[in-house]
Amino acid sequence: MLRVRGTTYHFRRIVPPALRTTLNRREIWVSLKTGYQNEARKRASLLHARTTELFSQAYVALSKPDALDRLEGLRVALRDLQSVNLPSSAQETGAVPVSTPMPKPRTVKKPAKAPKAAPLMLSGALKRFVLDSPHASADTKKATQRAVDLFLQAFGDAPARKDLQAGHPDCSL
């Protein structure tokens, strides 16, 4: 996840709960040393891959008999994450470590359930709760329409969650 502090982007990643006591960390914060979003995304992508690899190694190390020795090496690697944060020219030449693809988790098939009614989509919620509302001002409608359009352009239409709708008086779900 990217965060901006002042004019500099930072990478933040939560350590999985099962590894927190082992790695002595709750989260990882690393300065990306750039104020440019595209450059920050590239660097954050590398750090995400590296932390995923380290977490994977930590899980494996926990299952081994000499776990303490292996885990100390992983703790040092976590402290040295700044070394992964190289300029983009080094990234483009391939001088940066790349993590191995994670195996897909096995899925257990669950018994089929009765089909549910189609969920309320974000675009439908916009129309239903904002655009058709007599209580919403023109500015609210315009700003909400713009925000939803940007979201739809970036991520596509998504179901509006039921827990977000629960407090709305027009909600009949």
C-alpha atoms as a PDB file:
ATOM      1  CA  MET A   1       0.000   0.000   0.000  1.00  0.00           C
ATOM      2  CA  LEU A   2       1.268   3.454  -0.859  1.00  0.00           C
ATOM      3  CA  ARG A   3       1.151   6.296   1.647  1.00  0.00           C
ATOM      4  CA  VAL A   4       2.261   9.892   1.179  1.00  0.00           C
ATOM      5  CA  ARG A   5       4.003  11.681   4.026  1.00  0.00           C
ATOM      6  CA  GLY A   6       4.775  15.230   3.077  1.00  0.00           C
ATOM      7  CA  THR A   7       5.927  14.916  -0.521  1.00  0.00           C
ATOM      8  CA  THR A   8       7.469  11.438  -0.263  1.00  0.00           C
ATOM      9  CA  TYR A   9       5.746   8.112  -0.896  1.00  0.00           C
ATOM     10  CA  HIS A  10       6.099   5.250   1.575  1.00  0.00           C
ATOM     11  CA  PHE A  11       5.355   1.527   1.283  1.00  0.00           C
ATOM     12  CA  ARG A  12       3.291   0.010   4.087  1.00  0.00           C
ATOM     13  CA  ARG A  13       2.443  -3.642   4.523  1.00  0.00           C
ATOM     14  CA  ILE A  14       0.853  -5.453   7.434  1.00  0.00           C
ATOM     15  CA  VAL A  15       2.722  -8.523   8.708  1.00  0.00           C
ATOM     16  CA  PRO A  16       0.404 -11.570   8.769  1.00  0.00           C
ATOM     17  CA  PRO A  17      -0.871 -12.205  12.329  1.00  0.00           C
ATOM     18  CA  ALA A  18       0.734 -15.666  12.448  1.00  0.00           C
ATOM     19  CA  LEU A  19       4.184 -14.128  11.837  1.00  0.00           C
ATOM     20  CA  ARG A  20       3.993 -11.032  14.050  1.00  0.00           C
ATOM     21  CA  THR A  21       5.512 -12.528  17.189  1.00  0.00           C
ATOM     22  CA  THR A  22       8.035 -14.512  15.176  1.00  0.00           C
ATOM     23  CA  LEU A  23       9.288 -11.528  13.166  1.00  0.00           C
ATOM     24  CA  ASN A  24       8.811  -9.012  15.999  1.00  0.00           C
ATOM     25  CA  ARG A  25       6.881  -6.658  13.698  1.00  0.00           C
ATOM     26  CA  ARG A  26       3.271  -5.700  13.147  1.00  0.00           C
ATOM     27  CA  GLU A  27       3.802  -3.802   9.915  1.00  0.00           C
ATOM     28  CA  ILE A  28       6.518  -2.757   7.506  1.00  0.00           C
ATOM     29  CA  TRP A  29       7.088   0.902   6.553  1.00  0.00           C
ATOM     30  CA  VAL A  30       9.705   1.772   3.945  1.00  0.00           C
ATOM     31  CA  SER A  31      10.359   5.172   2.377  1.00  0.00           C
ATOM     32  CA  LEU A  32      10.245   4.919  -1.398  1.00  0.00           C
ATOM     33  CA  LYS A  33      12.343   8.094  -1.644  1.00  0.00           C
ATOM     34  CA  THR A  34      10.296   9.582  -4.449  1.00  0.00           C
ATOM     35  CA  GLY A  35       7.493  12.066  -4.846  1.00  0.00           C
ATOM     36  CA  TYR A  36       6.384  10.657  -8.193  1.00  0.00           C
ATOM     37  CA  GLN A  37       3.431   8.286  -8.018  1.00  0.00           C
ATOM     38  CA  ASN A  38       4.374   6.091 -11.009  1.00  0.00           C
ATOM     39  CA  GLU A  39       7.905   5.609  -9.683  1.00  0.00           C
ATOM     40  CA  ALA A  40       6.506   4.892  -6.219  1.00  0.00           C
ATOM     41  CA  ARG A  41       4.204   2.227  -7.656  1.00  0.00           C
ATOM     42  CA  LYS A  42       7.133   0.470  -9.338  1.00  0.00           C
ATOM     43  CA  ARG A  43       9.172   0.510  -6.151  1.00  0.00           C
ATOM     44  CA  ALA A  44       6.213  -0.563  -4.028  1.00  0.00           C
ATOM     45  CA  SER A  45       5.590  -3.459  -6.382  1.00  0.00           C
ATOM     46  CA  LEU A  46       9.145  -4.670  -5.831  1.00  0.00           C
ATOM     47  CA  LEU A  47       8.822  -4.333  -2.082  1.00  0.00           C
ATOM     48  CA  HIS A  48       5.511  -6.175  -2.114  1.00  0.00           C
ATOM     49  CA  ALA A  49       7.086  -9.057  -4.023  1.00  0.00           C
ATOM     50  CA  ARG A  50      10.066  -9.120  -1.654  1.00  0.00           C
ATOM     51  CA  THR A  51       7.913  -9.062   1.493  1.00  0.00           C
ATOM     52  CA  THR A  52       5.688 -11.802   0.078  1.00  0.00           C
ATOM     53  CA  GLU A  53       8.813 -13.881  -0.498  1.00  0.00           C
ATOM     54  CA  LEU A  54      10.063 -13.191   3.043  1.00  0.00           C
ATOM     55  CA  PHE A  55       6.700 -14.101   4.571  1.00  0.00           C
ATOM     56  CA  SER A  56       6.693 -17.307   2.565  1.00  0.00           C
ATOM     57  CA  GLN A  57      10.210 -18.141   3.798  1.00  0.00           C
ATOM     58  CA  ALA A  58       9.128 -17.399   7.381  1.00  0.00           C
ATOM     59  CA  TYR A  59       6.246 -19.868   7.151  1.00  0.00           C
ATOM     60  CA  VAL A  60       8.625 -22.527   5.803  1.00  0.00           C
ATOM     61  CA  ALA A  61      11.215 -21.718   8.485  1.00  0.00           C
ATOM     62  CA  LEU A  62       8.653 -22.206  11.229  1.00  0.00           C
ATOM     63  CA  SER A  63       8.102 -25.770  10.089  1.00  0.00           C
ATOM     64  CA  LYS A  64      11.835 -26.643  10.233  1.00  0.00           C
ATOM     65  CA  PRO A  65      13.700 -27.857  13.352  1.00  0.00           C
ATOM     66  CA  ASP A  66      16.353 -25.083  13.168  1.00  0.00           C
ATOM     67  CA  ALA A  67      13.703 -22.360  12.955  1.00  0.00           C
ATOM     68  CA  LEU A  68      15.468 -19.891  15.263  1.00  0.00           C
ATOM     69  CA  ASP A  69      18.567 -19.636  13.048  1.00  0.00           C
ATOM     70  CA  ARG A  70      16.498 -19.237   9.894  1.00  0.00           C
ATOM     71  CA  LEU A  71      14.172 -16.680  11.460  1.00  0.00           C
ATOM     72  CA  GLU A  72      17.039 -14.457  12.578  1.00  0.00           C
ATOM     73  CA  GLY A  73      18.178 -14.268   8.967  1.00  0.00           C
ATOM     74  CA  LEU A  74      14.652 -13.305   7.905  1.00  0.00           C
ATOM     75  CA  ARG A  75      14.477 -10.581  10.562  1.00  0.00           C
ATOM     76  CA  VAL A  76      17.718  -9.129   9.185  1.00  0.00           C
ATOM     77  CA  ALA A  77      16.308  -9.317   5.654  1.00  0.00           C
ATOM     78  CA  LEU A  78      13.206  -7.415   6.784  1.00  0.00           C
ATOM     79  CA  ARG A  79      15.403  -4.664   8.261  1.00  0.00           C
ATOM     80  CA  ASP A  80      17.359  -4.447   5.007  1.00  0.00           C
ATOM     81  CA  LEU A  81      14.359  -3.914   2.735  1.00  0.00           C
ATOM     82  CA  GLN A  82      15.709  -0.497   1.760  1.00  0.00           C
ATOM     83  CA  SER A  83      18.284  -2.290  -0.413  1.00  0.00           C
ATOM     84  CA  VAL A  84      15.442  -3.506  -2.675  1.00  0.00           C
ATOM     85  CA  ASN A  85      14.461   0.115  -3.256  1.00  0.00           C
ATOM     86  CA  LEU A  86      16.725   0.770  -6.244  1.00  0.00           C
ATOM     87  CA  PRO A  87      16.350   3.441  -8.939  1.00  0.00           C
ATOM     88  CA  SER A  88      14.040   2.455 -11.798  1.00  0.00           C
ATOM     89  CA  SER A  89      16.935   2.125 -14.266  1.00  0.00           C
ATOM     90  CA  ALA A  90      18.299  -0.783 -12.206  1.00  0.00           C
ATOM     91  CA  GLN A  91      14.818  -2.309 -12.103  1.00  0.00           C
ATOM     92  CA  GLU A  92      14.497  -2.173 -15.861  1.00  0.00           C
ATOM     93  CA  THR A  93      17.833  -3.934 -16.404  1.00  0.00           C
ATOM     94  CA  GLY A  94      16.719  -6.842 -14.249  1.00  0.00           C
ATOM     95  CA  ALA A  95      19.197  -6.230 -11.418  1.00  0.00           C
ATOM     96  CA  VAL A  96      16.438  -6.542  -8.835  1.00  0.00           C
ATOM     97  CA  PRO A  97      15.422  -9.796  -7.120  1.00  0.00           C
ATOM     98  CA  VAL A  98      12.080 -11.154  -8.206  1.00  0.00           C
ATOM     99  CA  SER A  99       9.942 -13.356  -6.022  1.00  0.00           C
ATOM    100  CA  THR A 100       8.791 -16.766  -7.155  1.00  0.00           C
ATOM    101  CA  PRO A 101       5.110 -17.175  -7.922  1.00  0.00           C
ATOM    102  CA  MET A 102       3.034 -18.326  -4.963  1.00  0.00           C
ATOM    103  CA  PRO A 103       1.294 -21.685  -5.398  1.00  0.00           C
ATOM    104  CA  LYS A 104      -2.459 -21.451  -5.595  1.00  0.00           C
ATOM    105  CA  PRO A 105      -4.162 -22.559  -2.403  1.00  0.00           C
ATOM    106  CA  ARG A 106      -6.217 -25.699  -2.638  1.00  0.00           C
ATOM    107  CA  THR A 107      -9.908 -25.058  -2.601  1.00  0.00           C
ATOM    108  CA  VAL A 108     -12.411 -27.330  -0.991  1.00  0.00           C
ATOM    109  CA  LYS A 109     -15.641 -27.555  -2.907  1.00  0.00           C
ATOM    110  CA  LYS A 110     -18.634 -26.539  -0.833  1.00  0.00           C
ATOM    111  CA  PRO A 111     -22.110 -27.842  -1.479  1.00  0.00           C
ATOM    112  CA  ALA A 112     -24.066 -25.694  -3.907  1.00  0.00           C
ATOM    113  CA  LYS A 113     -26.395 -23.178  -2.310  1.00  0.00           C
ATOM    114  CA  ALA A 114     -29.573 -21.738  -3.695  1.00  0.00           C
ATOM    115  CA  PRO A 115     -28.847 -18.769  -5.979  1.00  0.00           C
ATOM    116  CA  LYS A 116     -29.195 -15.379  -4.293  1.00  0.00           C
ATOM    117  CA  ALA A 117     -30.890 -12.354  -5.759  1.00  0.00           C
ATOM    118  CA  ALA A 118     -28.595 -10.181  -7.856  1.00  0.00           C
ATOM    119  CA  PRO A 119     -26.681  -7.793  -5.576  1.00  0.00           C
ATOM    120  CA  LEU A 120     -27.142  -4.051  -5.791  1.00  0.00           C
ATOM    121  CA  MET A 121     -24.322  -2.768  -7.967  1.00  0.00           C
ATOM    122  CA  LEU A 122     -22.464   0.476  -7.248  1.00  0.00           C
ATOM    123  CA  SER A 123     -23.873   2.172 -10.350  1.00  0.00           C
ATOM    124  CA  GLY A 124     -27.396   1.166  -9.281  1.00  0.00           C
ATOM    125  CA  ALA A 125     -26.784   2.428  -5.738  1.00  0.00           C
ATOM    126  CA  LEU A 126     -25.614   5.776  -7.139  1.00  0.00           C
ATOM    127  CA  LYS A 127     -28.816   6.174  -9.103  1.00  0.00           C
ATOM    128  CA  ARG A 128     -31.073   4.863  -6.325  1.00  0.00           C
ATOM    129  CA  PHE A 129     -29.631   6.693  -3.326  1.00  0.00           C
ATOM    130  CA  VAL A 130     -28.115   9.873  -4.799  1.00  0.00           C
ATOM    131  CA  LEU A 131     -29.282  10.788  -8.295  1.00  0.00           C
ATOM    132  CA  ASP A 132     -32.962   9.946  -7.654  1.00  0.00           C
ATOM    133  CA  SER A 133     -32.970  11.462  -4.153  1.00  0.00           C
ATOM    134  CA  PRO A 134     -35.008  14.655  -3.821  1.00  0.00           C
ATOM    135  CA  HIS A 135     -32.910  15.567  -0.757  1.00  0.00           C
ATOM    136  CA  ALA A 136     -29.506  15.582  -2.523  1.00  0.00           C
ATOM    137  CA  SER A 137     -28.239  18.922  -3.818  1.00  0.00           C
ATOM    138  CA  ALA A 138     -27.068  19.390  -7.394  1.00  0.00           C
ATOM    139  CA  ASP A 139     -23.464  19.741  -6.160  1.00  0.00           C
ATOM    140  CA  THR A 140     -23.711  16.482  -4.210  1.00  0.00           C
ATOM    141  CA  LYS A 141     -25.142  14.679  -7.218  1.00  0.00           C
ATOM    142  CA  LYS A 142     -22.437  16.052  -9.523  1.00  0.00           C
ATOM    143  CA  ALA A 143     -19.547  15.271  -7.132  1.00  0.00           C
ATOM    144  CA  THR A 144     -20.838  11.785  -6.351  1.00  0.00           C
ATOM    145  CA  GLN A 145     -21.406  11.035 -10.033  1.00  0.00           C
ATOM    146  CA  ARG A 146     -17.810  12.093 -10.812  1.00  0.00           C
ATOM    147  CA  ALA A 147     -16.363   9.994  -7.969  1.00  0.00           C
ATOM    148  CA  VAL A 148     -18.352   6.910  -8.962  1.00  0.00           C
ATOM    149  CA  ASP A 149     -17.440   7.375 -12.639  1.00  0.00           C
ATOM    150  CA  LEU A 150     -13.737   7.447 -11.709  1.00  0.00           C
ATOM    151  CA  PHE A 151     -14.170   4.333  -9.565  1.00  0.00           C
ATOM    152  CA  LEU A 152     -16.045   2.497 -12.323  1.00  0.00           C
ATOM    153  CA  GLN A 153     -13.386   3.509 -14.853  1.00  0.00           C
ATOM    154  CA  ALA A 154     -10.622   2.147 -12.617  1.00  0.00           C
ATOM    155  CA  PHE A 155     -12.242  -0.976 -11.137  1.00  0.00           C
ATOM    156  CA  GLY A 156     -15.472  -1.657 -12.966  1.00  0.00           C
ATOM    157  CA  ASP A 157     -18.922  -1.967 -11.464  1.00  0.00           C
ATOM    158  CA  ALA A 158     -18.921  -3.794  -8.135  1.00  0.00           C
ATOM    159  CA  PRO A 159     -21.655  -4.911  -5.762  1.00  0.00           C
ATOM    160  CA  ALA A 160     -22.447  -2.417  -3.011  1.00  0.00           C
ATOM    161  CA  ARG A 161     -21.966  -4.197   0.316  1.00  0.00           C
ATOM    162  CA  LYS A 162     -25.036  -4.857   2.422  1.00  0.00           C
ATOM    163  CA  ASP A 163     -23.394  -3.638   5.652  1.00  0.00           C
ATOM    164  CA  LEU A 164     -22.799  -0.225   4.050  1.00  0.00           C
ATOM    165  CA  GLN A 165     -26.456   0.032   3.069  1.00  0.00           C
ATOM    166  CA  ALA A 166     -27.911  -1.115   6.387  1.00  0.00           C
ATOM    167  CA  GLY A 167     -28.378   2.349   7.882  1.00  0.00           C
ATOM    168  CA  HIS A 168     -29.990   3.920   4.814  1.00  0.00           C
ATOM    169  CA  PRO A 169     -33.784   4.533   5.151  1.00  0.00           C
ATOM    170  CA  ASP A 170     -34.445   3.648   1.471  1.00  0.00           C
ATOM    171  CA  CYS A 171     -32.749   0.284   1.819  1.00  0.00           C
ATOM    172  CA  SER A 172     -35.107  -2.660   1.534  1.00  0.00           C
ATOM    173  CA  LEU A 173     -32.484  -5.429   1.655  1.00  0.00           C
END
